[in-house]
Amino acid sequence: MLVTSAPTLIHRLLPRSVFCDACLRLRPGDTLEREPLVSRLLRLGYRRTSVVEIPGEFSVRGGIVDIYS
């Protein structure tokens, strides 16, 4: 028996391999080049905004990239 809501039932998931390829593991002290990170976020469907307020948004201010995931 599966108990779920209608919206959840029709929600499609990425294949595991696609999901794993899109993952980026960050640890304290890691450094990244800003532009490749921004390009990757855009390819993954994130939206660049001036202020980050909801999941799926990111902003760039100086050397800081603020990501709401």
PDB file of N, CA and C in Angstrom:
ATOM      1  N   MET A   1       0.849  -1.159   0.000  1.00  0.00           N
ATOM      2  CA  MET A   1       0.000   0.000   0.000  1.00  0.00           C
ATOM      3  C   MET A   1       0.900   1.229   0.000  1.00  0.00           C
ATOM      4  N   LEU A   2       0.557   2.181  -0.825  1.00  0.00           N
ATOM      5  CA  LEU A   2       1.275   3.449  -0.915  1.00  0.00           C
ATOM      6  C   LEU A   2       0.303   4.560  -0.565  1.00  0.00           C
ATOM      7  N   VAL A   3       0.661   5.371   0.406  1.00  0.00           N
ATOM      8  CA  VAL A   3      -0.174   6.501   0.802  1.00  0.00           C
ATOM      9  C   VAL A   3       0.604   7.766   0.487  1.00  0.00           C
ATOM     10  N   THR A   4       0.043   8.591  -0.381  1.00  0.00           N
ATOM     11  CA  THR A   4       0.701   9.831  -0.784  1.00  0.00           C
ATOM     12  C   THR A   4      -0.342  10.822  -1.273  1.00  0.00           C
ATOM     13  N   SER A   5       0.078  12.043  -1.487  1.00  0.00           N
ATOM     14  CA  SER A   5      -0.836  13.056  -2.027  1.00  0.00           C
ATOM     15  C   SER A   5      -0.740  13.042  -3.549  1.00  0.00           C
ATOM     16  N   ALA A   6      -1.741  13.586  -4.218  1.00  0.00           N
ATOM     17  CA  ALA A   6      -1.743  13.637  -5.681  1.00  0.00           C
ATOM     18  C   ALA A   6      -0.552  14.425  -6.229  1.00  0.00           C
ATOM     19  N   PRO A   7      -0.227  15.613  -5.681  1.00  0.00           N
ATOM     20  CA  PRO A   7       0.933  16.337  -6.212  1.00  0.00           C
ATOM     21  C   PRO A   7       2.234  15.543  -6.087  1.00  0.00           C
ATOM     22  N   THR A   8       2.397  14.823  -4.988  1.00  0.00           N
ATOM     23  CA  THR A   8       3.604  14.026  -4.805  1.00  0.00           C
ATOM     24  C   THR A   8       3.635  12.857  -5.780  1.00  0.00           C
ATOM     25  N   LEU A   9       2.504  12.282  -6.053  1.00  0.00           N
ATOM     26  CA  LEU A   9       2.424  11.138  -6.955  1.00  0.00           C
ATOM     27  C   LEU A   9       2.863  11.496  -8.370  1.00  0.00           C
ATOM     28  N   ILE A  10       2.548  12.713  -8.820  1.00  0.00           N
ATOM     29  CA  ILE A  10       2.902  13.093 -10.189  1.00  0.00           C
ATOM     30  C   ILE A  10       4.256  13.794 -10.280  1.00  0.00           C
ATOM     31  N   HIS A  11       4.903  14.045  -9.137  1.00  0.00           N
ATOM     32  CA  HIS A  11       6.217  14.695  -9.123  1.00  0.00           C
ATOM     33  C   HIS A  11       7.267  13.738  -9.673  1.00  0.00           C
ATOM     34  N   ARG A  12       7.953  14.162 -10.716  1.00  0.00           N
ATOM     35  CA  ARG A  12       8.962  13.309 -11.347  1.00  0.00           C
ATOM     36  C   ARG A  12      10.313  13.508 -10.673  1.00  0.00           C
ATOM     37  N   LEU A  13      11.068  12.444 -10.590  1.00  0.00           N
ATOM     38  CA  LEU A  13      12.399  12.482 -10.002  1.00  0.00           C
ATOM     39  C   LEU A  13      13.450  12.268 -11.080  1.00  0.00           C
ATOM     40  N   LEU A  14      14.622  12.842 -10.846  1.00  0.00           N
ATOM     41  CA  LEU A  14      15.749  12.621 -11.748  1.00  0.00           C
ATOM     42  C   LEU A  14      16.279  11.206 -11.570  1.00  0.00           C
ATOM     43  N   PRO A  15      16.832  10.629 -12.636  1.00  0.00           N
ATOM     44  CA  PRO A  15      17.535   9.357 -12.452  1.00  0.00           C
ATOM     45  C   PRO A  15      18.696   9.556 -11.474  1.00  0.00           C
ATOM     46  N   ARG A  16      19.010   8.540 -10.719  1.00  0.00           N
ATOM     47  CA  ARG A  16      20.049   8.634  -9.686  1.00  0.00           C
ATOM     48  C   ARG A  16      21.375   9.135 -10.255  1.00  0.00           C
ATOM     49  N   SER A  17      21.765   8.643 -11.425  1.00  0.00           N
ATOM     50  CA  SER A  17      23.053   9.042 -12.007  1.00  0.00           C
ATOM     51  C   SER A  17      23.075  10.530 -12.341  1.00  0.00           C
ATOM     52  N   VAL A  18      21.973  11.056 -12.834  1.00  0.00           N
ATOM     53  CA  VAL A  18      21.889  12.485 -13.160  1.00  0.00           C
ATOM     54  C   VAL A  18      21.961  13.306 -11.879  1.00  0.00           C
ATOM     55  N   PHE A  19      21.238  12.868 -10.859  1.00  0.00           N
ATOM     56  CA  PHE A  19      21.258  13.568  -9.577  1.00  0.00           C
ATOM     57  C   PHE A  19      22.671  13.587  -8.991  1.00  0.00           C
ATOM     58  N   CYS A  20      23.332  12.431  -8.982  1.00  0.00           N
ATOM     59  CA  CYS A  20      24.684  12.343  -8.401  1.00  0.00           C
ATOM     60  C   CYS A  20      25.683  13.198  -9.171  1.00  0.00           C
ATOM     61  N   ASP A  21      25.550  13.253 -10.493  1.00  0.00           N
ATOM     62  CA  ASP A  21      26.451  14.083 -11.297  1.00  0.00           C
ATOM     63  C   ASP A  21      26.268  15.567 -10.998  1.00  0.00           C
ATOM     64  N   ALA A  22      25.062  15.956 -10.572  1.00  0.00           N
ATOM     65  CA  ALA A  22      24.772  17.365 -10.307  1.00  0.00           C
ATOM     66  C   ALA A  22      25.182  17.792  -8.897  1.00  0.00           C
ATOM     67  N   CYS A  23      25.449  16.829  -8.020  1.00  0.00           N
ATOM     68  CA  CYS A  23      25.796  17.145  -6.633  1.00  0.00           C
ATOM     69  C   CYS A  23      27.182  17.772  -6.537  1.00  0.00           C
ATOM     70  N   LEU A  24      27.316  18.673  -5.610  1.00  0.00           N
ATOM     71  CA  LEU A  24      28.589  19.323  -5.336  1.00  0.00           C
ATOM     72  C   LEU A  24      28.776  19.322  -3.826  1.00  0.00           C
ATOM     73  N   ARG A  25      29.799  18.645  -3.364  1.00  0.00           N
ATOM     74  CA  ARG A  25      30.052  18.554  -1.925  1.00  0.00           C
ATOM     75  C   ARG A  25      31.053  19.638  -1.542  1.00  0.00           C
ATOM     76  N   LEU A  26      30.651  20.480  -0.609  1.00  0.00           N
ATOM     77  CA  LEU A  26      31.516  21.554  -0.126  1.00  0.00           C
ATOM     78  C   LEU A  26      31.840  21.318   1.338  1.00  0.00           C
ATOM     79  N   ARG A  27      33.075  21.612   1.683  1.00  0.00           N
ATOM     80  CA  ARG A  27      33.515  21.472   3.072  1.00  0.00           C
ATOM     81  C   ARG A  27      34.126  22.790   3.524  1.00  0.00           C
ATOM     82  N   PRO A  28      34.128  23.052   4.829  1.00  0.00           N
ATOM     83  CA  PRO A  28      34.765  24.281   5.316  1.00  0.00           C
ATOM     84  C   PRO A  28      36.206  24.373   4.813  1.00  0.00           C
ATOM     85  N   GLY A  29      36.554  25.548   4.325  1.00  0.00           N
ATOM     86  CA  GLY A  29      37.898  25.777   3.822  1.00  0.00           C
ATOM     87  C   GLY A  29      38.061  25.531   2.334  1.00  0.00           C
ATOM     88  N   ASP A  30      37.058  24.899   1.687  1.00  0.00           N
ATOM     89  CA  ASP A  30      37.130  24.683   0.242  1.00  0.00           C
ATOM     90  C   ASP A  30      37.076  26.023  -0.477  1.00  0.00           C
ATOM     91  N   THR A  31      37.763  26.123  -1.587  1.00  0.00           N
ATOM     92  CA  THR A  31      37.685  27.320  -2.420  1.00  0.00           C
ATOM     93  C   THR A  31      37.237  26.910  -3.818  1.00  0.00           C
ATOM     94  N   LEU A  32      36.435  27.757  -4.426  1.00  0.00           N
ATOM     95  CA  LEU A  32      35.918  27.520  -5.775  1.00  0.00           C
ATOM     96  C   LEU A  32      36.074  28.790  -6.594  1.00  0.00           C
ATOM     97  N   GLU A  33      36.231  28.617  -7.883  1.00  0.00           N
ATOM     98  CA  GLU A  33      36.199  29.762  -8.785  1.00  0.00           C
ATOM     99  C   GLU A  33      34.743  30.198  -8.904  1.00  0.00           C
ATOM    100  N   ARG A  34      34.506  31.500  -8.810  1.00  0.00           N
ATOM    101  CA  ARG A  34      33.136  32.009  -8.780  1.00  0.00           C
ATOM    102  C   ARG A  34      32.376  31.745 -10.070  1.00  0.00           C
ATOM    103  N   GLU A  35      32.938  32.081 -11.217  1.00  0.00           N
ATOM    104  CA  GLU A  35      32.185  31.968 -12.470  1.00  0.00           C
ATOM    105  C   GLU A  35      31.793  30.532 -12.819  1.00  0.00           C
ATOM    106  N   PRO A  36      32.681  29.534 -12.665  1.00  0.00           N
ATOM    107  CA  PRO A  36      32.223  28.159 -12.910  1.00  0.00           C
ATOM    108  C   PRO A  36      31.104  27.733 -11.957  1.00  0.00           C
ATOM    109  N   LEU A  37      31.158  28.193 -10.699  1.00  0.00           N
ATOM    110  CA  LEU A  37      30.092  27.874  -9.748  1.00  0.00           C
ATOM    111  C   LEU A  37      28.782  28.517 -10.180  1.00  0.00           C
ATOM    112  N   VAL A  38      28.825  29.783 -10.568  1.00  0.00           N
ATOM    113  CA  VAL A  38      27.617  30.482 -11.023  1.00  0.00           C
ATOM    114  C   VAL A  38      27.043  29.784 -12.253  1.00  0.00           C
ATOM    115  N   SER A  39      27.888  29.415 -13.201  1.00  0.00           N
ATOM    116  CA  SER A  39      27.423  28.712 -14.407  1.00  0.00           C
ATOM    117  C   SER A  39      26.760  27.391 -14.044  1.00  0.00           C
ATOM    118  N   ARG A  40      27.360  26.675 -13.115  1.00  0.00           N
ATOM    119  CA  ARG A  40      26.794  25.386 -12.702  1.00  0.00           C
ATOM    120  C   ARG A  40      25.435  25.574 -12.040  1.00  0.00           C
ATOM    121  N   LEU A  41      25.319  26.560 -11.171  1.00  0.00           N
ATOM    122  CA  LEU A  41      24.034  26.823 -10.515  1.00  0.00           C
ATOM    123  C   LEU A  41      22.955  27.158 -11.536  1.00  0.00           C
ATOM    124  N   LEU A  42      23.288  27.964 -12.526  1.00  0.00           N
ATOM    125  CA  LEU A  42      22.318  28.318 -13.564  1.00  0.00           C
ATOM    126  C   LEU A  42      21.905  27.086 -14.368  1.00  0.00           C
ATOM    127  N   ARG A  43      22.851  26.224 -14.714  1.00  0.00           N
ATOM    128  CA  ARG A  43      22.532  24.990 -15.447  1.00  0.00           C
ATOM    129  C   ARG A  43      21.628  24.075 -14.631  1.00  0.00           C
ATOM    130  N   LEU A  44      21.783  24.114 -13.311  1.00  0.00           N
ATOM    131  CA  LEU A  44      20.969  23.274 -12.435  1.00  0.00           C
ATOM    132  C   LEU A  44      19.587  23.867 -12.166  1.00  0.00           C
ATOM    133  N   GLY A  45      19.323  25.055 -12.705  1.00  0.00           N
ATOM    134  CA  GLY A  45      17.999  25.643 -12.550  1.00  0.00           C
ATOM    135  C   GLY A  45      17.867  26.663 -11.441  1.00  0.00           C
ATOM    136  N   TYR A  46      18.963  27.009 -10.786  1.00  0.00           N
ATOM    137  CA  TYR A  46      18.906  28.067  -9.775  1.00  0.00           C
ATOM    138  C   TYR A  46      18.691  29.409 -10.466  1.00  0.00           C
ATOM    139  N   ARG A  47      18.076  30.335  -9.748  1.00  0.00           N
ATOM    140  CA  ARG A  47      17.791  31.658 -10.288  1.00  0.00           C
ATOM    141  C   ARG A  47      18.635  32.686  -9.550  1.00  0.00           C
ATOM    142  N   ARG A  48      19.351  33.509 -10.322  1.00  0.00           N
ATOM    143  CA  ARG A  48      20.196  34.540  -9.716  1.00  0.00           C
ATOM    144  C   ARG A  48      19.332  35.737  -9.335  1.00  0.00           C
ATOM    145  N   THR A  49      19.440  36.159  -8.076  1.00  0.00           N
ATOM    146  CA  THR A  49      18.665  37.292  -7.572  1.00  0.00           C
ATOM    147  C   THR A  49      19.597  38.213  -6.787  1.00  0.00           C
ATOM    148  N   SER A  50      19.093  39.395  -6.467  1.00  0.00           N
ATOM    149  CA  SER A  50      19.905  40.307  -5.659  1.00  0.00           C
ATOM    150  C   SER A  50      19.818  39.953  -4.174  1.00  0.00           C
ATOM    151  N   VAL A  51      18.674  39.391  -3.754  1.00  0.00           N
ATOM    152  CA  VAL A  51      18.480  38.959  -2.369  1.00  0.00           C
ATOM    153  C   VAL A  51      17.913  37.544  -2.396  1.00  0.00           C
ATOM    154  N   VAL A  52      18.540  36.635  -1.667  1.00  0.00           N
ATOM    155  CA  VAL A  52      18.107  35.239  -1.628  1.00  0.00           C
ATOM    156  C   VAL A  52      17.003  35.090  -0.585  1.00  0.00           C
ATOM    157  N   GLU A  53      15.833  34.603  -1.038  1.00  0.00           N
ATOM    158  CA  GLU A  53      14.700  34.486  -0.120  1.00  0.00           C
ATOM    159  C   GLU A  53      14.056  33.111  -0.116  1.00  0.00           C
ATOM    160  N   ILE A  54      14.165  32.372  -1.211  1.00  0.00           N
ATOM    161  CA  ILE A  54      13.494  31.073  -1.297  1.00  0.00           C
ATOM    162  C   ILE A  54      14.447  30.025  -1.882  1.00  0.00           C
ATOM    163  N   PRO A  55      14.157  28.744  -1.643  1.00  0.00           N
ATOM    164  CA  PRO A  55      14.994  27.691  -2.221  1.00  0.00           C
ATOM    165  C   PRO A  55      15.086  27.830  -3.740  1.00  0.00           C
ATOM    166  N   GLY A  56      16.270  27.570  -4.262  1.00  0.00           N
ATOM    167  CA  GLY A  56      16.477  27.650  -5.705  1.00  0.00           C
ATOM    168  C   GLY A  56      17.020  28.985  -6.162  1.00  0.00           C
ATOM    169  N   GLU A  57      17.281  29.882  -5.235  1.00  0.00           N
ATOM    170  CA  GLU A  57      17.842  31.188  -5.580  1.00  0.00           C
ATOM    171  C   GLU A  57      19.284  31.281  -5.099  1.00  0.00           C
ATOM    172  N   PHE A  58      20.049  32.136  -5.774  1.00  0.00           N
ATOM    173  CA  PHE A  58      21.395  32.448  -5.308  1.00  0.00           C
ATOM    174  C   PHE A  58      21.716  33.882  -5.670  1.00  0.00           C
ATOM    175  N   SER A  59      22.666  34.465  -4.960  1.00  0.00           N
ATOM    176  CA  SER A  59      23.119  35.819  -5.265  1.00  0.00           C
ATOM    177  C   SER A  59      24.633  35.858  -5.136  1.00  0.00           C
ATOM    178  N   VAL A  60      25.221  36.825  -5.822  1.00  0.00           N
ATOM    179  CA  VAL A  60      26.667  37.032  -5.770  1.00  0.00           C
ATOM    180  C   VAL A  60      26.903  38.453  -5.302  1.00  0.00           C
ATOM    181  N   ARG A  61      27.651  38.582  -4.216  1.00  0.00           N
ATOM    182  CA  ARG A  61      27.997  39.901  -3.684  1.00  0.00           C
ATOM    183  C   ARG A  61      29.483  39.888  -3.376  1.00  0.00           C
ATOM    184  N   GLY A  62      30.243  40.546  -4.227  1.00  0.00           N
ATOM    185  CA  GLY A  62      31.695  40.529  -4.052  1.00  0.00           C
ATOM    186  C   GLY A  62      32.221  39.118  -4.219  1.00  0.00           C
ATOM    187  N   GLY A  63      32.948  38.631  -3.232  1.00  0.00           N
ATOM    188  CA  GLY A  63      33.494  37.282  -3.282  1.00  0.00           C
ATOM    189  C   GLY A  63      32.607  36.239  -2.633  1.00  0.00           C
ATOM    190  N   ILE A  64      31.376  36.619  -2.279  1.00  0.00           N
ATOM    191  CA  ILE A  64      30.462  35.703  -1.596  1.00  0.00           C
ATOM    192  C   ILE A  64      29.359  35.258  -2.543  1.00  0.00           C
ATOM    193  N   VAL A  65      29.133  33.945  -2.597  1.00  0.00           N
ATOM    194  CA  VAL A  65      27.994  33.394  -3.332  1.00  0.00           C
ATOM    195  C   VAL A  65      27.053  32.827  -2.281  1.00  0.00           C
ATOM    196  N   ASP A  66      25.847  33.391  -2.196  1.00  0.00           N
ATOM    197  CA  ASP A  66      24.833  32.994  -1.217  1.00  0.00           C
ATOM    198  C   ASP A  66      23.847  32.082  -1.931  1.00  0.00           C
ATOM    199  N   ILE A  67      23.728  30.829  -1.478  1.00  0.00           N
ATOM    200  CA  ILE A  67      22.880  29.835  -2.143  1.00  0.00           C
ATOM    201  C   ILE A  67      21.823  29.344  -1.170  1.00  0.00           C
ATOM    202  N   TYR A  68      20.562  29.366  -1.594  1.00  0.00           N
ATOM    203  CA  TYR A  68      19.470  28.790  -0.802  1.00  0.00           C
ATOM    204  C   TYR A  68      19.081  27.499  -1.506  1.00  0.00           C
ATOM    205  N   SER A  69      19.458  26.359  -0.897  1.00  0.00           N
ATOM    206  CA  SER A  69      19.145  25.078  -1.543  1.00  0.00           C
ATOM    207  C   SER A  69      18.193  24.255  -0.709  1.00  0.00           C
TER     208      SER A  69
END
